[in-house]
Amino acid sequence: MTPKQIGAAIRKARGQRSIRQVAASAGLHRDQVTGIEQATKAYTIGSLLALCKAVGLRVRLDDLMAA
């Protein structure tokens, strides 16, 4: 998956929850969540995993490596 595809998947999974709510749940700053969703900021695998957990997504490393 590309960073844009990852961001779109996270945005879709976030649903009606606010960026602020999801960021707090993931232990991230809201600017980080926005940057990941819009594919405009670099992020660590730890941040990605925390965000995915907060929105209920599962991550497979082979999916990330295919990008």
Protein backbone atom coordinates (compact mmCIF):
# COMPACT_ATOMS: atom_id res chain seq x y z
CA MET A 1 0.00 0.00 0.00
CA THR A 2 1.12 3.54 -0.68
CA PRO A 3 1.07 6.23 2.02
CA LYS A 4 -2.02 7.73 0.36
CA GLN A 5 -3.81 4.38 0.46
CA ILE A 6 -2.87 3.90 4.11
CA GLY A 7 -4.15 7.37 4.94
CA ALA A 8 -7.42 6.76 3.10
CA ALA A 9 -7.94 3.45 4.93
CA ILE A 10 -7.36 5.13 8.29
CA ARG A 11 -9.70 7.99 7.41
CA LYS A 12 -12.42 5.54 6.39
CA ALA A 13 -11.97 3.47 9.55
CA ARG A 14 -12.10 6.62 11.70
CA GLY A 15 -15.66 7.16 10.54
CA GLN A 16 -17.49 9.87 12.44
CA ARG A 17 -14.96 10.10 15.25
CA SER A 18 -13.00 13.33 15.35
CA ILE A 19 -9.29 13.45 14.67
CA ARG A 20 -8.83 14.73 18.21
CA GLN A 21 -10.64 11.69 19.68
CA VAL A 22 -8.66 9.21 17.62
CA ALA A 23 -5.37 10.99 18.29
CA ALA A 24 -6.00 10.91 22.05
CA SER A 25 -6.88 7.22 21.87
CA ALA A 26 -3.69 6.49 19.92
CA GLY A 27 -1.49 8.72 22.09
CA LEU A 28 -0.63 10.93 19.11
CA HIS A 29 -0.96 14.63 18.39
CA ARG A 30 -3.87 15.51 16.11
CA ASP A 31 -1.44 17.00 13.58
CA GLN A 32 0.22 13.59 13.29
CA VAL A 33 -3.11 11.92 12.55
CA THR A 34 -3.97 14.56 9.97
CA GLY A 35 -0.56 14.17 8.35
CA ILE A 36 -0.89 10.40 8.17
CA GLU A 37 -4.42 10.57 6.74
CA GLN A 38 -3.33 13.11 4.12
CA ALA A 39 0.01 11.37 3.46
CA THR A 40 1.87 14.62 4.08
CA LYS A 41 3.97 13.62 7.13
CA ALA A 42 6.45 10.86 7.75
CA TYR A 43 5.59 8.52 10.62
CA THR A 44 7.09 5.67 12.56
CA ILE A 45 5.77 2.13 12.49
CA GLY A 46 4.89 2.62 16.16
CA SER A 47 2.70 5.63 15.36
CA LEU A 48 1.05 3.76 12.51
CA LEU A 49 0.33 0.73 14.69
CA ALA A 50 -1.08 2.89 17.51
CA LEU A 51 -3.32 4.74 15.07
CA CYS A 52 -4.51 1.55 13.41
CA LYS A 53 -5.33 0.05 16.79
CA ALA A 54 -7.29 3.17 17.74
CA VAL A 55 -9.46 2.94 14.61
CA GLY A 56 -9.76 -0.85 14.61
CA LEU A 57 -7.53 -1.70 11.65
CA ARG A 58 -5.15 -4.64 11.51
CA VAL A 59 -1.78 -4.26 9.84
CA ARG A 60 0.15 -6.98 8.07
CA LEU A 61 3.77 -6.19 7.42
CA ASP A 62 3.73 -7.85 4.02
CA ASP A 63 1.07 -5.27 3.05
CA LEU A 64 3.42 -2.46 4.05
CA MET A 65 6.42 -3.99 2.32
CA ALA A 66 4.57 -4.21 -1.00
CA ALA A 67 4.37 -0.40 -1.24
